[in-house]
Amino acid sequence: MARILIVDDSPTETHNLRSILEGAGHQVITADNGADGVAVAKQERPDAVLMDIVMPGLNGFQATRQLTKEPTTAHIPVIIVTTKDQETDKVWGQRQGAKGYLVKPVKAEELTAELNRVLKG
């Protein structure tokens, strides 16, 4: 299936997302902060990125903006996966270039549907 990069500073959340993705047949790559997420995405060129927002250093909005503005990674769809559920956060995420937005805790069906949607372009 697809290679998915999870960028999240919570080991528990990373484990939960990995379980859902691997259960659906995807290959998973991880990074535990925004700066590492950008570096891994540039090196590995995953099919999609699941991006947390609240992380130390480079936050998910900043990392998403970097990925979507960088020519080598601009084609990779970013889905924000966060506890931030305000409409203003969703709009800001879209303005940074995110193609999707999910609020934690994420259900397997939700994640799979959103991932399928962005992978189809």
PDB file of N, CA and C in Angstrom:
ATOM      1  N   MET A   1       0.845  -1.187   0.000  1.00  0.00           N
ATOM      2  CA  MET A   1       0.000   0.000   0.000  1.00  0.00           C
ATOM      3  C   MET A   1       0.887   1.245   0.000  1.00  0.00           C
ATOM      4  N   ALA A   2       0.582   2.204   0.869  1.00  0.00           N
ATOM      5  CA  ALA A   2       1.300   3.471   0.876  1.00  0.00           C
ATOM      6  C   ALA A   2       2.319   3.540   2.009  1.00  0.00           C
ATOM      7  N   ARG A   3       3.316   4.423   1.841  1.00  0.00           N
ATOM      8  CA  ARG A   3       4.282   4.719   2.903  1.00  0.00           C
ATOM      9  C   ARG A   3       3.817   6.005   3.569  1.00  0.00           C
ATOM     10  N   ILE A   4       3.557   5.923   4.871  1.00  0.00           N
ATOM     11  CA  ILE A   4       2.995   7.053   5.611  1.00  0.00           C
ATOM     12  C   ILE A   4       3.980   7.493   6.696  1.00  0.00           C
ATOM     13  N   LEU A   5       4.239   8.799   6.751  1.00  0.00           N
ATOM     14  CA  LEU A   5       5.077   9.374   7.793  1.00  0.00           C
ATOM     15  C   LEU A   5       4.182   9.933   8.890  1.00  0.00           C
ATOM     16  N   ILE A   6       4.386   9.451  10.123  1.00  0.00           N
ATOM     17  CA  ILE A   6       3.680   9.985  11.292  1.00  0.00           C
ATOM     18  C   ILE A   6       4.643  10.937  12.007  1.00  0.00           C
ATOM     19  N   VAL A   7       4.212  12.192  12.189  1.00  0.00           N
ATOM     20  CA  VAL A   7       5.015  13.171  12.924  1.00  0.00           C
ATOM     21  C   VAL A   7       4.224  13.538  14.179  1.00  0.00           C
ATOM     22  N   ASP A   8       4.657  13.007  15.323  1.00  0.00           N
ATOM     23  CA  ASP A   8       3.934  13.226  16.577  1.00  0.00           C
ATOM     24  C   ASP A   8       4.908  13.012  17.731  1.00  0.00           C
ATOM     25  N   ASP A   9       4.854  13.886  18.737  1.00  0.00           N
ATOM     26  CA  ASP A   9       5.766  13.766  19.871  1.00  0.00           C
ATOM     27  C   ASP A   9       5.247  12.828  20.966  1.00  0.00           C
ATOM     28  N   SER A  10       4.054  12.287  20.789  1.00  0.00           N
ATOM     29  CA  SER A  10       3.493  11.360  21.770  1.00  0.00           C
ATOM     30  C   SER A  10       3.722   9.914  21.328  1.00  0.00           C
ATOM     31  N   PRO A  11       4.534   9.159  22.089  1.00  0.00           N
ATOM     32  CA  PRO A  11       4.742   7.750  21.740  1.00  0.00           C
ATOM     33  C   PRO A  11       3.428   6.960  21.707  1.00  0.00           C
ATOM     34  N   THR A  12       2.510   7.282  22.606  1.00  0.00           N
ATOM     35  CA  THR A  12       1.216   6.588  22.651  1.00  0.00           C
ATOM     36  C   THR A  12       0.429   6.857  21.375  1.00  0.00           C
ATOM     37  N   GLU A  13       0.355   8.119  20.968  1.00  0.00           N
ATOM     38  CA  GLU A  13      -0.385   8.471  19.754  1.00  0.00           C
ATOM     39  C   GLU A  13       0.272   7.868  18.518  1.00  0.00           C
ATOM     40  N   THR A  14       1.595   7.896  18.474  1.00  0.00           N
ATOM     41  CA  THR A  14       2.314   7.299  17.350  1.00  0.00           C
ATOM     42  C   THR A  14       2.007   5.803  17.270  1.00  0.00           C
ATOM     43  N   HIS A  15       2.011   5.136  18.415  1.00  0.00           N
ATOM     44  CA  HIS A  15       1.698   3.699  18.463  1.00  0.00           C
ATOM     45  C   HIS A  15       0.279   3.440  17.949  1.00  0.00           C
ATOM     46  N   ASN A  16      -0.687   4.238  18.403  1.00  0.00           N
ATOM     47  CA  ASN A  16      -2.079   4.052  17.980  1.00  0.00           C
ATOM     48  C   ASN A  16      -2.235   4.253  16.469  1.00  0.00           C
ATOM     49  N   LEU A  17      -1.641   5.327  15.946  1.00  0.00           N
ATOM     50  CA  LEU A  17      -1.734   5.586  14.503  1.00  0.00           C
ATOM     51  C   LEU A  17      -1.027   4.491  13.711  1.00  0.00           C
ATOM     52  N   ARG A  18       0.140   4.070  14.189  1.00  0.00           N
ATOM     53  CA  ARG A  18       0.889   3.000  13.517  1.00  0.00           C
ATOM     54  C   ARG A  18       0.042   1.727  13.446  1.00  0.00           C
ATOM     55  N   SER A  19      -0.616   1.380  14.550  1.00  0.00           N
ATOM     56  CA  SER A  19      -1.444   0.172  14.584  1.00  0.00           C
ATOM     57  C   SER A  19      -2.551   0.220  13.540  1.00  0.00           C
ATOM     58  N   ILE A  20      -3.207   1.376  13.447  1.00  0.00           N
ATOM     59  CA  ILE A  20      -4.280   1.532  12.451  1.00  0.00           C
ATOM     60  C   ILE A  20      -3.713   1.398  11.038  1.00  0.00           C
ATOM     61  N   LEU A  21      -2.622   2.105  10.772  1.00  0.00           N
ATOM     62  CA  LEU A  21      -2.051   2.124   9.427  1.00  0.00           C
ATOM     63  C   LEU A  21      -1.495   0.762   9.014  1.00  0.00           C
ATOM     64  N   GLU A  22      -0.746   0.138   9.906  1.00  0.00           N
ATOM     65  CA  GLU A  22      -0.181  -1.174   9.577  1.00  0.00           C
ATOM     66  C   GLU A  22      -1.283  -2.213   9.435  1.00  0.00           C
ATOM     67  N   GLY A  23      -2.344  -2.075  10.229  1.00  0.00           N
ATOM     68  CA  GLY A  23      -3.494  -2.964  10.107  1.00  0.00           C
ATOM     69  C   GLY A  23      -4.179  -2.842   8.758  1.00  0.00           C
ATOM     70  N   ALA A  24      -4.053  -1.653   8.151  1.00  0.00           N
ATOM     71  CA  ALA A  24      -4.638  -1.420   6.827  1.00  0.00           C
ATOM     72  C   ALA A  24      -3.639  -1.728   5.710  1.00  0.00           C
ATOM     73  N   GLY A  25      -2.460  -2.238   6.083  1.00  0.00           N
ATOM     74  CA  GLY A  25      -1.485  -2.654   5.089  1.00  0.00           C
ATOM     75  C   GLY A  25      -0.474  -1.599   4.673  1.00  0.00           C
ATOM     76  N   HIS A  26      -0.428  -0.467   5.363  1.00  0.00           N
ATOM     77  CA  HIS A  26       0.513   0.595   5.008  1.00  0.00           C
ATOM     78  C   HIS A  26       1.853   0.400   5.703  1.00  0.00           C
ATOM     79  N   GLN A  27       2.893   0.977   5.104  1.00  0.00           N
ATOM     80  CA  GLN A  27       4.219   1.017   5.716  1.00  0.00           C
ATOM     81  C   GLN A  27       4.319   2.329   6.482  1.00  0.00           C
ATOM     82  N   VAL A  28       4.894   2.301   7.679  1.00  0.00           N
ATOM     83  CA  VAL A  28       4.944   3.483   8.543  1.00  0.00           C
ATOM     84  C   VAL A  28       6.379   3.915   8.812  1.00  0.00           C
ATOM     85  N   ILE A  29       6.595   5.230   8.721  1.00  0.00           N
ATOM     86  CA  ILE A  29       7.850   5.884   9.093  1.00  0.00           C
ATOM     87  C   ILE A  29       7.450   6.885  10.175  1.00  0.00           C
ATOM     88  N   THR A  30       8.321   7.166  11.146  1.00  0.00           N
ATOM     89  CA  THR A  30       7.945   8.105  12.200  1.00  0.00           C
ATOM     90  C   THR A  30       9.013   9.171  12.429  1.00  0.00           C
ATOM     91  N   ALA A  31       8.552  10.277  12.990  1.00  0.00           N
ATOM     92  CA  ALA A  31       9.425  11.343  13.481  1.00  0.00           C
ATOM     93  C   ALA A  31       8.723  11.917  14.706  1.00  0.00           C
ATOM     94  N   ASP A  32       9.502  12.342  15.722  1.00  0.00           N
ATOM     95  CA  ASP A  32       8.852  12.782  16.957  1.00  0.00           C
ATOM     96  C   ASP A  32       8.858  14.291  17.183  1.00  0.00           C
ATOM     97  N   ASN A  33       9.169  15.055  16.132  1.00  0.00           N
ATOM     98  CA  ASN A  33       9.011  16.509  16.212  1.00  0.00           C
ATOM     99  C   ASN A  33       8.952  17.085  14.802  1.00  0.00           C
ATOM    100  N   GLY A  34       8.566  18.343  14.701  1.00  0.00           N
ATOM    101  CA  GLY A  34       8.358  18.960  13.398  1.00  0.00           C
ATOM    102  C   GLY A  34       9.611  19.040  12.543  1.00  0.00           C
ATOM    103  N   ALA A  35      10.735  19.435  13.150  1.00  0.00           N
ATOM    104  CA  ALA A  35      11.977  19.563  12.384  1.00  0.00           C
ATOM    105  C   ALA A  35      12.426  18.211  11.824  1.00  0.00           C
ATOM    106  N   ASP A  36      12.366  17.171  12.658  1.00  0.00           N
ATOM    107  CA  ASP A  36      12.725  15.834  12.178  1.00  0.00           C
ATOM    108  C   ASP A  36      11.732  15.358  11.122  1.00  0.00           C
ATOM    109  N   GLY A  37      10.463  15.697  11.300  1.00  0.00           N
ATOM    110  CA  GLY A  37       9.446  15.327  10.320  1.00  0.00           C
ATOM    111  C   GLY A  37       9.742  15.904   8.945  1.00  0.00           C
ATOM    112  N   VAL A  38      10.130  17.154   8.901  1.00  0.00           N
ATOM    113  CA  VAL A  38      10.483  17.792   7.620  1.00  0.00           C
ATOM    114  C   VAL A  38      11.695  17.085   7.009  1.00  0.00           C
ATOM    115  N   ALA A  39      12.719  16.828   7.824  1.00  0.00           N
ATOM    116  CA  ALA A  39      13.930  16.169   7.335  1.00  0.00           C
ATOM    117  C   ALA A  39      13.633  14.762   6.813  1.00  0.00           C
ATOM    118  N   VAL A  40      12.843  14.004   7.562  1.00  0.00           N
ATOM    119  CA  VAL A  40      12.501  12.634   7.144  1.00  0.00           C
ATOM    120  C   VAL A  40      11.676  12.662   5.857  1.00  0.00           C
ATOM    121  N   ALA A  41      10.733  13.590   5.758  1.00  0.00           N
ATOM    122  CA  ALA A  41       9.906  13.694   4.550  1.00  0.00           C
ATOM    123  C   ALA A  41      10.767  14.007   3.326  1.00  0.00           C
ATOM    124  N   LYS A  42      11.747  14.895   3.483  1.00  0.00           N
ATOM    125  CA  LYS A  42      12.637  15.242   2.366  1.00  0.00           C
ATOM    126  C   LYS A  42      13.474  14.044   1.942  1.00  0.00           C
ATOM    127  N   GLN A  43      13.915  13.251   2.916  1.00  0.00           N
ATOM    128  CA  GLN A  43      14.767  12.102   2.626  1.00  0.00           C
ATOM    129  C   GLN A  43      13.978  10.900   2.114  1.00  0.00           C
ATOM    130  N   GLU A  44      12.855  10.592   2.770  1.00  0.00           N
ATOM    131  CA  GLU A  44      12.108   9.358   2.487  1.00  0.00           C
ATOM    132  C   GLU A  44      11.019   9.510   1.425  1.00  0.00           C
ATOM    133  N   ARG A  45      10.531  10.732   1.220  1.00  0.00           N
ATOM    134  CA  ARG A  45       9.452  11.021   0.263  1.00  0.00           C
ATOM    135  C   ARG A  45       8.255  10.075   0.437  1.00  0.00           C
ATOM    136  N   PRO A  46       7.599  10.127   1.609  1.00  0.00           N
ATOM    137  CA  PRO A  46       6.451   9.251   1.849  1.00  0.00           C
ATOM    138  C   PRO A  46       5.275   9.617   0.940  1.00  0.00           C
ATOM    139  N   ASP A  47       4.274   8.755   0.902  1.00  0.00           N
ATOM    140  CA  ASP A  47       3.083   9.013   0.096  1.00  0.00           C
ATOM    141  C   ASP A  47       2.157  10.016   0.776  1.00  0.00           C
ATOM    142  N   ALA A  48       2.221  10.099   2.103  1.00  0.00           N
ATOM    143  CA  ALA A  48       1.405  11.052   2.864  1.00  0.00           C
ATOM    144  C   ALA A  48       2.050  11.259   4.232  1.00  0.00           C
ATOM    145  N   VAL A  49       1.679  12.373   4.891  1.00  0.00           N
ATOM    146  CA  VAL A  49       2.190  12.704   6.217  1.00  0.00           C
ATOM    147  C   VAL A  49       1.017  12.939   7.162  1.00  0.00           C
ATOM    148  N   LEU A  50       1.062  12.322   8.342  1.00  0.00           N
ATOM    149  CA  LEU A  50       0.115  12.624   9.415  1.00  0.00           C
ATOM    150  C   LEU A  50       0.857  13.520  10.400  1.00  0.00           C
ATOM    151  N   MET A  51       0.381  14.746  10.574  1.00  0.00           N
ATOM    152  CA  MET A  51       1.113  15.777  11.310  1.00  0.00           C
ATOM    153  C   MET A  51       0.366  16.240  12.551  1.00  0.00           C
ATOM    154  N   ASP A  52       0.991  16.063  13.715  1.00  0.00           N
ATOM    155  CA  ASP A  52       0.477  16.644  14.949  1.00  0.00           C
ATOM    156  C   ASP A  52       0.762  18.145  14.906  1.00  0.00           C
ATOM    157  N   ILE A  53       0.062  18.928  15.720  1.00  0.00           N
ATOM    158  CA  ILE A  53       0.298  20.372  15.765  1.00  0.00           C
ATOM    159  C   ILE A  53       1.177  20.756  16.945  1.00  0.00           C
ATOM    160  N   VAL A  54       0.782  20.354  18.147  1.00  0.00           N
ATOM    161  CA  VAL A  54       1.474  20.799  19.352  1.00  0.00           C
ATOM    162  C   VAL A  54       2.688  19.903  19.597  1.00  0.00           C
ATOM    163  N   MET A  55       3.860  20.429  19.212  1.00  0.00           N
ATOM    164  CA  MET A  55       5.129  19.714  19.398  1.00  0.00           C
ATOM    165  C   MET A  55       6.193  20.734  19.787  1.00  0.00           C
ATOM    166  N   PRO A  56       7.236  20.285  20.485  1.00  0.00           N
ATOM    167  CA  PRO A  56       8.314  21.215  20.851  1.00  0.00           C
ATOM    168  C   PRO A  56       9.080  21.672  19.605  1.00  0.00           C
ATOM    169  N   GLY A  57       9.641  22.875  19.696  1.00  0.00           N
ATOM    170  CA  GLY A  57      10.413  23.392  18.567  1.00  0.00           C
ATOM    171  C   GLY A  57       9.488  23.781  17.428  1.00  0.00           C
ATOM    172  N   LEU A  58       9.734  23.219  16.260  1.00  0.00           N
ATOM    173  CA  LEU A  58       8.930  23.486  15.069  1.00  0.00           C
ATOM    174  C   LEU A  58       7.564  22.820  15.238  1.00  0.00           C
ATOM    175  N   ASN A  59       6.489  23.621  15.318  1.00  0.00           N
ATOM    176  CA  ASN A  59       5.170  23.010  15.503  1.00  0.00           C
ATOM    177  C   ASN A  59       4.629  22.465  14.175  1.00  0.00           C
ATOM    178  N   GLY A  60       3.510  21.779  14.255  1.00  0.00           N
ATOM    179  CA  GLY A  60       2.957  21.133  13.069  1.00  0.00           C
ATOM    180  C   GLY A  60       2.514  22.089  11.979  1.00  0.00           C
ATOM    181  N   PHE A  61       2.010  23.270  12.349  1.00  0.00           N
ATOM    182  CA  PHE A  61       1.646  24.263  11.337  1.00  0.00           C
ATOM    183  C   PHE A  61       2.892  24.708  10.567  1.00  0.00           C
ATOM    184  N   GLN A  62       3.969  24.986  11.302  1.00  0.00           N
ATOM    185  CA  GLN A  62       5.217  25.433  10.664  1.00  0.00           C
ATOM    186  C   GLN A  62       5.809  24.331   9.785  1.00  0.00           C
ATOM    187  N   ALA A  63       5.804  23.103  10.287  1.00  0.00           N
ATOM    188  CA  ALA A  63       6.346  21.983   9.522  1.00  0.00           C
ATOM    189  C   ALA A  63       5.523  21.733   8.263  1.00  0.00           C
ATOM    190  N   THR A  64       4.196  21.826   8.388  1.00  0.00           N
ATOM    191  CA  THR A  64       3.322  21.651   7.220  1.00  0.00           C
ATOM    192  C   THR A  64       3.629  22.711   6.172  1.00  0.00           C
ATOM    193  N   ARG A  65       3.773  23.953   6.611  1.00  0.00           N
ATOM    194  CA  ARG A  65       4.083  25.049   5.682  1.00  0.00           C
ATOM    195  C   ARG A  65       5.406  24.779   4.967  1.00  0.00           C
ATOM    196  N   GLN A  66       6.415  24.319   5.702  1.00  0.00           N
ATOM    197  CA  GLN A  66       7.707  24.027   5.074  1.00  0.00           C
ATOM    198  C   GLN A  66       7.582  22.920   4.023  1.00  0.00           C
ATOM    199  N   LEU A  67       6.856  21.870   4.367  1.00  0.00           N
ATOM    200  CA  LEU A  67       6.698  20.749   3.431  1.00  0.00           C
ATOM    201  C   LEU A  67       5.934  21.141   2.178  1.00  0.00           C
ATOM    202  N   THR A  68       4.884  21.937   2.345  1.00  0.00           N
ATOM    203  CA  THR A  68       4.049  22.276   1.189  1.00  0.00           C
ATOM    204  C   THR A  68       4.660  23.371   0.320  1.00  0.00           C
ATOM    205  N   LYS A  69       5.639  24.105   0.850  1.00  0.00           N
ATOM    206  CA  LYS A  69       6.312  25.149   0.063  1.00  0.00           C
ATOM    207  C   LYS A  69       7.593  24.645  -0.602  1.00  0.00           C
ATOM    208  N   GLU A  70       8.144  23.554  -0.087  1.00  0.00           N
ATOM    209  CA  GLU A  70       9.387  22.982  -0.610  1.00  0.00           C
ATOM    210  C   GLU A  70       9.081  22.173  -1.875  1.00  0.00           C
ATOM    211  N   PRO A  71       9.718  22.513  -3.008  1.00  0.00           N
ATOM    212  CA  PRO A  71       9.417  21.811  -4.268  1.00  0.00           C
ATOM    213  C   PRO A  71       9.559  20.286  -4.201  1.00  0.00           C
ATOM    214  N   THR A  72      10.513  19.778  -3.412  1.00  0.00           N
ATOM    215  CA  THR A  72      10.721  18.323  -3.374  1.00  0.00           C
ATOM    216  C   THR A  72       9.667  17.586  -2.558  1.00  0.00           C
ATOM    217  N   THR A  73       8.897  18.317  -1.723  1.00  0.00           N
ATOM    218  CA  THR A  73       7.884  17.660  -0.891  1.00  0.00           C
ATOM    219  C   THR A  73       6.474  18.236  -1.086  1.00  0.00           C
ATOM    220  N   ALA A  74       6.335  19.234  -1.930  1.00  0.00           N
ATOM    221  CA  ALA A  74       5.038  19.910  -2.098  1.00  0.00           C
ATOM    222  C   ALA A  74       3.932  18.964  -2.576  1.00  0.00           C
ATOM    223  N   HIS A  75       4.298  17.892  -3.277  1.00  0.00           N
ATOM    224  CA  HIS A  75       3.306  16.946  -3.800  1.00  0.00           C
ATOM    225  C   HIS A  75       2.788  15.975  -2.731  1.00  0.00           C
ATOM    226  N   ILE A  76       3.428  15.932  -1.571  1.00  0.00           N
ATOM    227  CA  ILE A  76       3.051  14.979  -0.522  1.00  0.00           C
ATOM    228  C   ILE A  76       1.889  15.555   0.293  1.00  0.00           C
ATOM    229  N   PRO A  77       0.734  14.886   0.303  1.00  0.00           N
ATOM    230  CA  PRO A  77      -0.384  15.413   1.083  1.00  0.00           C
ATOM    231  C   PRO A  77      -0.143  15.289   2.587  1.00  0.00           C
ATOM    232  N   VAL A  78      -0.479  16.362   3.305  1.00  0.00           N
ATOM    233  CA  VAL A  78      -0.348  16.391   4.763  1.00  0.00           C
ATOM    234  C   VAL A  78      -1.749  16.382   5.366  1.00  0.00           C
ATOM    235  N   ILE A  79      -1.967  15.458   6.310  1.00  0.00           N
ATOM    236  CA  ILE A  79      -3.206  15.426   7.086  1.00  0.00           C
ATOM    237  C   ILE A  79      -2.828  15.802   8.508  1.00  0.00           C
ATOM    238  N   ILE A  80      -3.419  16.872   9.007  1.00  0.00           N
ATOM    239  CA  ILE A  80      -3.179  17.266  10.384  1.00  0.00           C
ATOM    240  C   ILE A  80      -4.021  16.368  11.292  1.00  0.00           C
ATOM    241  N   VAL A  81      -3.375  15.814  12.326  1.00  0.00           N
ATOM    242  CA  VAL A  81      -4.039  14.954  13.300  1.00  0.00           C
ATOM    243  C   VAL A  81      -3.720  15.543  14.678  1.00  0.00           C
ATOM    244  N   THR A  82      -4.720  16.174  15.303  1.00  0.00           N
ATOM    245  CA  THR A  82      -4.459  16.974  16.493  1.00  0.00           C
ATOM    246  C   THR A  82      -5.640  16.971  17.464  1.00  0.00           C
ATOM    247  N   THR A  83      -5.392  17.438  18.665  1.00  0.00           N
ATOM    248  CA  THR A  83      -6.484  17.633  19.628  1.00  0.00           C
ATOM    249  C   THR A  83      -7.132  19.004  19.433  1.00  0.00           C
ATOM    250  N   LYS A  84      -6.514  19.873  18.646  1.00  0.00           N
ATOM    251  CA  LYS A  84      -7.038  21.225  18.429  1.00  0.00           C
ATOM    252  C   LYS A  84      -8.252  21.141  17.507  1.00  0.00           C
ATOM    253  N   ASP A  85      -9.446  21.394  18.075  1.00  0.00           N
ATOM    254  CA  ASP A  85     -10.674  21.158  17.311  1.00  0.00           C
ATOM    255  C   ASP A  85     -11.443  22.438  16.954  1.00  0.00           C
ATOM    256  N   GLN A  86     -10.812  23.593  17.079  1.00  0.00           N
ATOM    257  CA  GLN A  86     -11.489  24.843  16.730  1.00  0.00           C
ATOM    258  C   GLN A  86     -11.494  25.051  15.218  1.00  0.00           C
ATOM    259  N   GLU A  87     -12.540  25.665  14.714  1.00  0.00           N
ATOM    260  CA  GLU A  87     -12.640  25.933  13.283  1.00  0.00           C
ATOM    261  C   GLU A  87     -11.464  26.786  12.798  1.00  0.00           C
ATOM    262  N   THR A  88     -11.021  27.734  13.631  1.00  0.00           N
ATOM    263  CA  THR A  88      -9.888  28.584  13.235  1.00  0.00           C
ATOM    264  C   THR A  88      -8.616  27.755  13.040  1.00  0.00           C
ATOM    265  N   ASP A  89      -8.443  26.702  13.847  1.00  0.00           N
ATOM    266  CA  ASP A  89      -7.285  25.820  13.673  1.00  0.00           C
ATOM    267  C   ASP A  89      -7.366  25.084  12.338  1.00  0.00           C
ATOM    268  N   LYS A  90      -8.570  24.613  11.993  1.00  0.00           N
ATOM    269  CA  LYS A  90      -8.760  23.902  10.727  1.00  0.00           C
ATOM    270  C   LYS A  90      -8.461  24.815   9.542  1.00  0.00           C
ATOM    271  N   VAL A  91      -8.974  26.036   9.602  1.00  0.00           N
ATOM    272  CA  VAL A  91      -8.734  26.999   8.527  1.00  0.00           C
ATOM    273  C   VAL A  91      -7.245  27.319   8.423  1.00  0.00           C
ATOM    274  N   TRP A  92      -6.588  27.524   9.566  1.00  0.00           N
ATOM    275  CA  TRP A  92      -5.160  27.831   9.565  1.00  0.00           C
ATOM    276  C   TRP A  92      -4.365  26.653   8.995  1.00  0.00           C
ATOM    277  N   GLY A  93      -4.757  25.440   9.344  1.00  0.00           N
ATOM    278  CA  GLY A  93      -4.098  24.257   8.792  1.00  0.00           C
ATOM    279  C   GLY A  93      -4.199  24.205   7.279  1.00  0.00           C
ATOM    280  N   GLN A  94      -5.379  24.508   6.745  1.00  0.00           N
ATOM    281  CA  GLN A  94      -5.567  24.539   5.289  1.00  0.00           C
ATOM    282  C   GLN A  94      -4.699  25.623   4.659  1.00  0.00           C
ATOM    283  N   ARG A  95      -4.600  26.751   5.332  1.00  0.00           N
ATOM    284  CA  ARG A  95      -3.772  27.847   4.796  1.00  0.00           C
ATOM    285  C   ARG A  95      -2.296  27.486   4.767  1.00  0.00           C
ATOM    286  N   GLN A  96      -1.879  26.564   5.637  1.00  0.00           N
ATOM    287  CA  GLN A  96      -0.484  26.109   5.641  1.00  0.00           C
ATOM    288  C   GLN A  96      -0.250  25.057   4.560  1.00  0.00           C
ATOM    289  N   GLY A  97      -1.335  24.568   3.951  1.00  0.00           N
ATOM    290  CA  GLY A  97      -1.212  23.601   2.866  1.00  0.00           C
ATOM    291  C   GLY A  97      -1.721  22.212   3.176  1.00  0.00           C
ATOM    292  N   ALA A  98      -2.271  21.998   4.376  1.00  0.00           N
ATOM    293  CA  ALA A  98      -2.781  20.668   4.723  1.00  0.00           C
ATOM    294  C   ALA A  98      -3.958  20.290   3.836  1.00  0.00           C
ATOM    295  N   LYS A  99      -4.004  19.031   3.453  1.00  0.00           N
ATOM    296  CA  LYS A  99      -5.091  18.519   2.605  1.00  0.00           C
ATOM    297  C   LYS A  99      -6.208  17.891   3.420  1.00  0.00           C
ATOM    298  N   GLY A 100      -5.944  17.635   4.714  1.00  0.00           N
ATOM    299  CA  GLY A 100      -6.948  17.032   5.570  1.00  0.00           C
ATOM    300  C   GLY A 100      -6.720  17.441   7.009  1.00  0.00           C
ATOM    301  N   TYR A 101      -7.744  17.216   7.849  1.00  0.00           N
ATOM    302  CA  TYR A 101      -7.665  17.616   9.257  1.00  0.00           C
ATOM    303  C   TYR A 101      -8.523  16.660  10.068  1.00  0.00           C
ATOM    304  N   LEU A 102      -7.903  15.947  10.991  1.00  0.00           N
ATOM    305  CA  LEU A 102      -8.614  15.018  11.869  1.00  0.00           C
ATOM    306  C   LEU A 102      -8.359  15.397  13.322  1.00  0.00           C
ATOM    307  N   VAL A 103      -9.388  15.236  14.163  1.00  0.00           N
ATOM    308  CA  VAL A 103      -9.271  15.565  15.580  1.00  0.00           C
ATOM    309  C   VAL A 103      -9.117  14.262  16.380  1.00  0.00           C
ATOM    310  N   LYS A 104      -8.107  14.248  17.257  1.00  0.00           N
ATOM    311  CA  LYS A 104      -7.875  13.097  18.135  1.00  0.00           C
ATOM    312  C   LYS A 104      -8.957  13.046  19.202  1.00  0.00           C
ATOM    313  N   PRO A 105      -9.321  11.861  19.665  1.00  0.00           N
ATOM    314  CA  PRO A 105      -8.821  10.563  19.215  1.00  0.00           C
ATOM    315  C   PRO A 105      -9.428  10.185  17.863  1.00  0.00           C
ATOM    316  N   VAL A 106      -8.601   9.645  17.004  1.00  0.00           N
ATOM    317  CA  VAL A 106      -9.010   9.323  15.638  1.00  0.00           C
ATOM    318  C   VAL A 106      -9.482   7.872  15.577  1.00  0.00           C
ATOM    319  N   LYS A 107     -10.629   7.673  14.954  1.00  0.00           N
ATOM    320  CA  LYS A 107     -11.139   6.317  14.728  1.00  0.00           C
ATOM    321  C   LYS A 107     -10.473   5.750  13.472  1.00  0.00           C
ATOM    322  N   ALA A 108     -10.280   4.442  13.456  1.00  0.00           N
ATOM    323  CA  ALA A 108      -9.621   3.783  12.330  1.00  0.00           C
ATOM    324  C   ALA A 108     -10.341   4.076  11.014  1.00  0.00           C
ATOM    325  N   GLU A 109     -11.671   4.042  11.032  1.00  0.00           N
ATOM    326  CA  GLU A 109     -12.439   4.267   9.801  1.00  0.00           C
ATOM    327  C   GLU A 109     -12.232   5.698   9.282  1.00  0.00           C
ATOM    328  N   GLU A 110     -12.206   6.654  10.215  1.00  0.00           N
ATOM    329  CA  GLU A 110     -11.981   8.061   9.860  1.00  0.00           C
ATOM    330  C   GLU A 110     -10.629   8.239   9.190  1.00  0.00           C
ATOM    331  N   LEU A 111      -9.600   7.694   9.828  1.00  0.00           N
ATOM    332  CA  LEU A 111      -8.241   7.841   9.323  1.00  0.00           C
ATOM    333  C   LEU A 111      -8.100   7.181   7.957  1.00  0.00           C
ATOM    334  N   THR A 112      -8.616   5.975   7.832  1.00  0.00           N
ATOM    335  CA  THR A 112      -8.520   5.251   6.566  1.00  0.00           C
ATOM    336  C   THR A 112      -9.239   6.000   5.450  1.00  0.00           C
ATOM    337  N   ALA A 113     -10.428   6.511   5.730  1.00  0.00           N
ATOM    338  CA  ALA A 113     -11.200   7.248   4.721  1.00  0.00           C
ATOM    339  C   ALA A 113     -10.473   8.523   4.296  1.00  0.00           C
ATOM    340  N   GLU A 114      -9.957   9.267   5.266  1.00  0.00           N
ATOM    341  CA  GLU A 114      -9.261  10.523   4.955  1.00  0.00           C
ATOM    342  C   GLU A 114      -7.974  10.249   4.188  1.00  0.00           C
ATOM    343  N   LEU A 115      -7.252   9.218   4.579  1.00  0.00           N
ATOM    344  CA  LEU A 115      -6.025   8.855   3.891  1.00  0.00           C
ATOM    345  C   LEU A 115      -6.314   8.440   2.451  1.00  0.00           C
ATOM    346  N   ASN A 116      -7.323   7.620   2.252  1.00  0.00           N
ATOM    347  CA  ASN A 116      -7.699   7.215   0.897  1.00  0.00           C
ATOM    348  C   ASN A 116      -8.075   8.423   0.047  1.00  0.00           C
ATOM    349  N   ARG A 117      -8.790   9.370   0.653  1.00  0.00           N
ATOM    350  CA  ARG A 117      -9.209  10.573  -0.072  1.00  0.00           C
ATOM    351  C   ARG A 117      -8.019  11.390  -0.537  1.00  0.00           C
ATOM    352  N   VAL A 118      -7.060  11.653   0.353  1.00  0.00           N
ATOM    353  CA  VAL A 118      -5.911  12.480  -0.058  1.00  0.00           C
ATOM    354  C   VAL A 118      -4.945  11.743  -0.979  1.00  0.00           C
ATOM    355  N   LEU A 119      -4.846  10.428  -0.833  1.00  0.00           N
ATOM    356  CA  LEU A 119      -3.948   9.671  -1.713  1.00  0.00           C
ATOM    357  C   LEU A 119      -4.472   9.632  -3.137  1.00  0.00           C
ATOM    358  N   LYS A 120      -5.781   9.710  -3.292  1.00  0.00           N
ATOM    359  CA  LYS A 120      -6.375   9.725  -4.638  1.00  0.00           C
ATOM    360  C   LYS A 120      -6.209  11.069  -5.312  1.00  0.00           C
ATOM    361  N   GLY A 121      -5.826  12.069  -4.508  1.00  0.00           N
ATOM    362  CA  GLY A 121      -5.574  13.396  -5.071  1.00  0.00           C
ATOM    363  C   GLY A 121      -6.819  14.182  -5.201  1.00  0.00           C
TER     364      GLY A 121
END
